[in-house]
Amino acid sequence: MTAAGKAIMATDDVSHVLQDEDQVLAITKRLKRAHGQLGAVVRMLEEGRSCEDIVTQMAAVGKAINTAAFTLISSSLKECIADPTIDSDLVTEKLQKLFLSLA
């Protein structure tokens, strides 16, 4: 496919798959940690732990998930802007909407 064809395809499909394996690994680790923390929240509820302890743990889970999402968005944005075959304005707009959905 020609470069122009790729550019047109990139314009029609502004989704992105993160290619940076280090970032994918970091995000995956953070989400696995959050998964474990969420399991701890369930156990804490079942054990009758205090609301303060449970909410503190829930806040940690939320922060871990949000950090993973922000990392994913920023890494994707960085890759898309660096790729000349992608319409960076469209991708930036889409990723910006994703970012705002977390706020």
N, C-alpha and C. Protein backbone atom coordinates (compact mmCIF):
# COMPACT_ATOMS: atom_id res chain seq x y z
N MET A 1 0.84 -1.18 0.00
CA MET A 1 0.00 0.00 0.00
C MET A 1 0.89 1.25 0.00
N THR A 2 0.47 2.24 -0.73
CA THR A 2 1.25 3.47 -0.83
C THR A 2 1.14 4.28 0.46
N ALA A 3 2.04 5.23 0.62
CA ALA A 3 2.00 6.10 1.80
C ALA A 3 0.69 6.88 1.84
N ALA A 4 0.22 7.31 0.67
CA ALA A 4 -1.05 8.05 0.62
C ALA A 4 -2.21 7.16 1.05
N GLY A 5 -2.17 5.91 0.63
CA GLY A 5 -3.22 4.97 1.02
C GLY A 5 -3.22 4.73 2.52
N LYS A 6 -2.01 4.61 3.09
CA LYS A 6 -1.90 4.43 4.54
C LYS A 6 -2.43 5.66 5.27
N ALA A 7 -2.12 6.84 4.74
CA ALA A 7 -2.58 8.08 5.37
C ALA A 7 -4.10 8.15 5.35
N ILE A 8 -4.71 7.75 4.24
CA ILE A 8 -6.17 7.75 4.15
C ILE A 8 -6.74 6.75 5.13
N MET A 9 -6.15 5.54 5.20
CA MET A 9 -6.61 4.55 6.15
C MET A 9 -6.48 5.08 7.57
N ALA A 10 -5.39 5.74 7.87
CA ALA A 10 -5.17 6.26 9.21
C ALA A 10 -6.20 7.34 9.54
N THR A 11 -6.61 8.10 8.54
CA THR A 11 -7.62 9.13 8.75
C THR A 11 -8.97 8.50 9.03
N ASP A 12 -9.30 7.43 8.30
CA ASP A 12 -10.59 6.77 8.49
C ASP A 12 -10.65 6.03 9.81
N ASP A 13 -9.54 5.47 10.23
CA ASP A 13 -9.50 4.68 11.45
C ASP A 13 -8.50 5.33 12.39
N VAL A 14 -8.99 6.10 13.35
CA VAL A 14 -8.10 6.83 14.22
C VAL A 14 -7.82 6.09 15.53
N SER A 15 -8.16 4.80 15.55
CA SER A 15 -7.82 4.04 16.75
C SER A 15 -6.33 3.73 16.74
N HIS A 16 -5.81 3.45 17.90
CA HIS A 16 -4.38 3.23 18.03
C HIS A 16 -4.12 2.08 18.98
N VAL A 17 -3.14 1.27 18.67
CA VAL A 17 -2.68 0.20 19.54
C VAL A 17 -1.27 0.57 19.98
N LEU A 18 -1.07 0.65 21.28
CA LEU A 18 0.23 1.05 21.81
C LEU A 18 1.29 0.03 21.40
N GLN A 19 2.39 0.53 20.83
CA GLN A 19 3.46 -0.32 20.33
C GLN A 19 4.65 -0.40 21.29
N ASP A 20 4.80 0.57 22.17
CA ASP A 20 5.93 0.62 23.09
C ASP A 20 5.80 -0.50 24.12
N GLU A 21 6.58 -1.55 23.94
CA GLU A 21 6.47 -2.73 24.80
C GLU A 21 6.80 -2.42 26.26
N ASP A 22 7.72 -1.50 26.50
CA ASP A 22 8.04 -1.12 27.88
C ASP A 22 6.84 -0.48 28.56
N GLN A 23 6.15 0.38 27.82
CA GLN A 23 4.96 1.03 28.38
C GLN A 23 3.83 0.03 28.57
N VAL A 24 3.66 -0.87 27.61
CA VAL A 24 2.62 -1.90 27.75
C VAL A 24 2.89 -2.73 29.00
N LEU A 25 4.14 -3.11 29.21
CA LEU A 25 4.51 -3.89 30.38
C LEU A 25 4.26 -3.10 31.67
N ALA A 26 4.64 -1.83 31.69
CA ALA A 26 4.43 -0.99 32.88
C ALA A 26 2.94 -0.84 33.19
N ILE A 27 2.15 -0.61 32.16
CA ILE A 27 0.70 -0.45 32.35
C ILE A 27 0.09 -1.76 32.83
N THR A 28 0.52 -2.86 32.24
CA THR A 28 0.01 -4.17 32.64
C THR A 28 0.33 -4.46 34.09
N LYS A 29 1.56 -4.18 34.50
CA LYS A 29 1.95 -4.39 35.90
C LYS A 29 1.10 -3.56 36.85
N ARG A 30 0.87 -2.31 36.47
CA ARG A 30 0.07 -1.43 37.32
C ARG A 30 -1.36 -1.95 37.43
N LEU A 31 -1.91 -2.43 36.34
CA LEU A 31 -3.28 -2.94 36.36
C LEU A 31 -3.38 -4.25 37.14
N LYS A 32 -2.37 -5.09 37.04
CA LYS A 32 -2.37 -6.33 37.84
C LYS A 32 -2.29 -6.00 39.33
N ARG A 33 -1.50 -4.99 39.67
CA ARG A 33 -1.42 -4.54 41.07
C ARG A 33 -2.78 -4.03 41.53
N ALA A 34 -3.45 -3.24 40.68
CA ALA A 34 -4.78 -2.72 41.01
C ALA A 34 -5.78 -3.86 41.16
N HIS A 35 -5.64 -4.87 40.33
CA HIS A 35 -6.51 -6.05 40.42
C HIS A 35 -6.36 -6.71 41.79
N GLY A 36 -5.14 -6.85 42.24
CA GLY A 36 -4.88 -7.42 43.56
C GLY A 36 -5.44 -6.54 44.67
N GLN A 37 -5.29 -5.24 44.51
CA GLN A 37 -5.82 -4.30 45.51
C GLN A 37 -7.34 -4.39 45.57
N LEU A 38 -7.97 -4.56 44.41
CA LEU A 38 -9.42 -4.66 44.39
C LEU A 38 -9.88 -5.92 45.10
N GLY A 39 -9.14 -7.01 44.90
CA GLY A 39 -9.45 -8.24 45.64
C GLY A 39 -9.35 -8.02 47.14
N ALA A 40 -8.36 -7.23 47.55
CA ALA A 40 -8.21 -6.91 48.97
C ALA A 40 -9.40 -6.11 49.49
N VAL A 41 -9.94 -5.22 48.66
CA VAL A 41 -11.11 -4.44 49.06
C VAL A 41 -12.29 -5.38 49.32
N VAL A 42 -12.50 -6.34 48.43
CA VAL A 42 -13.60 -7.29 48.61
C VAL A 42 -13.41 -8.06 49.91
N ARG A 43 -12.19 -8.55 50.15
CA ARG A 43 -11.92 -9.29 51.39
C ARG A 43 -12.17 -8.41 52.62
N MET A 44 -11.74 -7.16 52.53
CA MET A 44 -11.94 -6.24 53.65
C MET A 44 -13.42 -6.05 53.96
N LEU A 45 -14.23 -5.93 52.91
CA LEU A 45 -15.67 -5.80 53.12
C LEU A 45 -16.24 -7.05 53.76
N GLU A 46 -15.83 -8.19 53.24
CA GLU A 46 -16.33 -9.47 53.78
C GLU A 46 -15.89 -9.69 55.23
N GLU A 47 -14.73 -9.17 55.59
CA GLU A 47 -14.21 -9.32 56.95
C GLU A 47 -14.75 -8.28 57.92
N GLY A 48 -15.51 -7.32 57.40
CA GLY A 48 -16.08 -6.29 58.26
C GLY A 48 -15.08 -5.23 58.71
N ARG A 49 -14.12 -4.93 57.87
CA ARG A 49 -13.13 -3.90 58.20
C ARG A 49 -13.77 -2.52 58.20
N SER A 50 -13.07 -1.56 58.75
CA SER A 50 -13.63 -0.21 58.88
C SER A 50 -13.80 0.46 57.52
N CYS A 51 -14.77 1.36 57.47
CA CYS A 51 -15.02 2.13 56.24
C CYS A 51 -13.78 2.90 55.83
N GLU A 52 -13.08 3.48 56.81
CA GLU A 52 -11.89 4.27 56.51
C GLU A 52 -10.83 3.42 55.80
N ASP A 53 -10.59 2.22 56.32
CA ASP A 53 -9.60 1.32 55.70
C ASP A 53 -10.02 0.93 54.29
N ILE A 54 -11.29 0.64 54.14
CA ILE A 54 -11.80 0.19 52.83
C ILE A 54 -11.72 1.32 51.81
N VAL A 55 -12.17 2.50 52.21
CA VAL A 55 -12.15 3.64 51.28
C VAL A 55 -10.72 4.02 50.91
N THR A 56 -9.81 3.93 51.86
CA THR A 56 -8.40 4.21 51.57
C THR A 56 -7.89 3.24 50.51
N GLN A 57 -8.22 1.97 50.66
CA GLN A 57 -7.80 0.97 49.68
C GLN A 57 -8.47 1.21 48.33
N MET A 58 -9.75 1.58 48.35
CA MET A 58 -10.46 1.86 47.10
C MET A 58 -9.85 3.06 46.38
N ALA A 59 -9.43 4.06 47.14
CA ALA A 59 -8.78 5.23 46.53
C ALA A 59 -7.48 4.82 45.85
N ALA A 60 -6.75 3.91 46.48
CA ALA A 60 -5.50 3.42 45.88
C ALA A 60 -5.78 2.68 44.58
N VAL A 61 -6.84 1.89 44.56
CA VAL A 61 -7.22 1.18 43.34
C VAL A 61 -7.57 2.17 42.24
N GLY A 62 -8.38 3.15 42.59
CA GLY A 62 -8.79 4.17 41.61
C GLY A 62 -7.59 4.93 41.05
N LYS A 63 -6.67 5.29 41.92
CA LYS A 63 -5.49 6.02 41.46
C LYS A 63 -4.63 5.17 40.54
N ALA A 64 -4.48 3.89 40.88
CA ALA A 64 -3.69 2.98 40.04
C ALA A 64 -4.31 2.83 38.66
N ILE A 65 -5.61 2.69 38.61
CA ILE A 65 -6.31 2.53 37.33
C ILE A 65 -6.21 3.81 36.51
N ASN A 66 -6.45 4.95 37.15
CA ASN A 66 -6.35 6.22 36.43
C ASN A 66 -4.94 6.48 35.93
N THR A 67 -3.95 6.16 36.74
CA THR A 67 -2.57 6.35 36.30
C THR A 67 -2.26 5.48 35.09
N ALA A 68 -2.76 4.24 35.11
CA ALA A 68 -2.56 3.35 33.96
C ALA A 68 -3.24 3.93 32.72
N ALA A 69 -4.43 4.45 32.88
CA ALA A 69 -5.15 5.03 31.74
C ALA A 69 -4.44 6.27 31.21
N PHE A 70 -4.00 7.15 32.10
CA PHE A 70 -3.28 8.34 31.66
C PHE A 70 -1.97 7.97 30.95
N THR A 71 -1.29 6.97 31.47
CA THR A 71 -0.05 6.51 30.84
C THR A 71 -0.34 5.97 29.45
N LEU A 72 -1.40 5.20 29.32
CA LEU A 72 -1.78 4.64 28.02
C LEU A 72 -2.09 5.76 27.03
N ILE A 73 -2.86 6.73 27.47
CA ILE A 73 -3.23 7.84 26.58
C ILE A 73 -1.99 8.65 26.18
N SER A 74 -1.16 9.00 27.14
CA SER A 74 0.00 9.84 26.81
C SER A 74 1.00 9.09 25.93
N SER A 75 1.19 7.81 26.18
CA SER A 75 2.10 7.03 25.34
C SER A 75 1.55 6.88 23.93
N SER A 76 0.25 6.67 23.82
CA SER A 76 -0.38 6.57 22.50
C SER A 76 -0.27 7.88 21.75
N LEU A 77 -0.51 8.96 22.45
CA LEU A 77 -0.42 10.28 21.82
C LEU A 77 0.98 10.53 21.29
N LYS A 78 1.97 10.19 22.09
CA LYS A 78 3.37 10.36 21.69
C LYS A 78 3.67 9.56 20.42
N GLU A 79 3.21 8.31 20.37
CA GLU A 79 3.45 7.49 19.18
C GLU A 79 2.72 8.03 17.96
N CYS A 80 1.49 8.45 18.14
CA CYS A 80 0.70 8.93 17.00
C CYS A 80 1.25 10.22 16.42
N ILE A 81 1.70 11.10 17.27
CA ILE A 81 2.26 12.37 16.78
C ILE A 81 3.56 12.12 16.02
N ALA A 82 4.32 11.12 16.46
CA ALA A 82 5.60 10.81 15.82
C ALA A 82 5.43 10.06 14.50
N ASP A 83 4.26 9.47 14.27
CA ASP A 83 4.04 8.67 13.06
C ASP A 83 3.49 9.56 11.95
N PRO A 84 4.26 9.78 10.86
CA PRO A 84 3.83 10.69 9.80
C PRO A 84 2.65 10.15 8.98
N THR A 85 2.32 8.86 9.09
CA THR A 85 1.21 8.30 8.32
C THR A 85 -0.13 8.48 9.01
N ILE A 86 -0.11 9.01 10.21
CA ILE A 86 -1.35 9.17 10.98
C ILE A 86 -1.72 10.64 11.03
N ASP A 87 -3.00 10.92 10.88
CA ASP A 87 -3.49 12.29 11.03
C ASP A 87 -3.48 12.62 12.52
N SER A 88 -2.42 13.26 12.96
CA SER A 88 -2.24 13.49 14.39
C SER A 88 -3.33 14.38 14.99
N ASP A 89 -3.93 15.25 14.18
CA ASP A 89 -5.01 16.10 14.71
C ASP A 89 -6.21 15.26 15.12
N LEU A 90 -6.59 14.29 14.26
CA LEU A 90 -7.73 13.43 14.58
C LEU A 90 -7.43 12.54 15.78
N VAL A 91 -6.25 11.97 15.82
CA VAL A 91 -5.87 11.10 16.93
C VAL A 91 -5.79 11.92 18.21
N THR A 92 -5.21 13.10 18.14
CA THR A 92 -5.12 13.96 19.31
C THR A 92 -6.50 14.28 19.86
N GLU A 93 -7.44 14.58 18.97
CA GLU A 93 -8.81 14.88 19.40
C GLU A 93 -9.44 13.68 20.09
N LYS A 94 -9.26 12.50 19.51
CA LYS A 94 -9.85 11.29 20.10
C LYS A 94 -9.22 10.99 21.46
N LEU A 95 -7.90 11.09 21.55
CA LEU A 95 -7.23 10.81 22.81
C LEU A 95 -7.56 11.86 23.86
N GLN A 96 -7.77 13.09 23.43
CA GLN A 96 -8.15 14.14 24.34
C GLN A 96 -9.52 13.83 24.96
N LYS A 97 -10.44 13.34 24.15
CA LYS A 97 -11.76 12.94 24.66
C LYS A 97 -11.63 11.80 25.67
N LEU A 98 -10.74 10.84 25.38
CA LEU A 98 -10.51 9.75 26.33
C LEU A 98 -9.96 10.30 27.64
N PHE A 99 -9.01 11.22 27.53
CA PHE A 99 -8.42 11.85 28.72
C PHE A 99 -9.50 12.52 29.55
N LEU A 100 -10.36 13.29 28.90
CA LEU A 100 -11.42 14.00 29.62
C LEU A 100 -12.45 13.05 30.23
N SER A 101 -12.61 11.87 29.63
CA SER A 101 -13.55 10.90 30.20
C SER A 101 -13.08 10.38 31.56
N LEU A 102 -11.80 10.54 31.84
CA LEU A 102 -11.25 10.11 33.13
C LEU A 102 -11.36 11.18 34.21
N ALA A 103 -11.63 12.41 33.78
CA ALA A 103 -11.68 13.53 34.74
C ALA A 103 -12.96 13.53 35.54
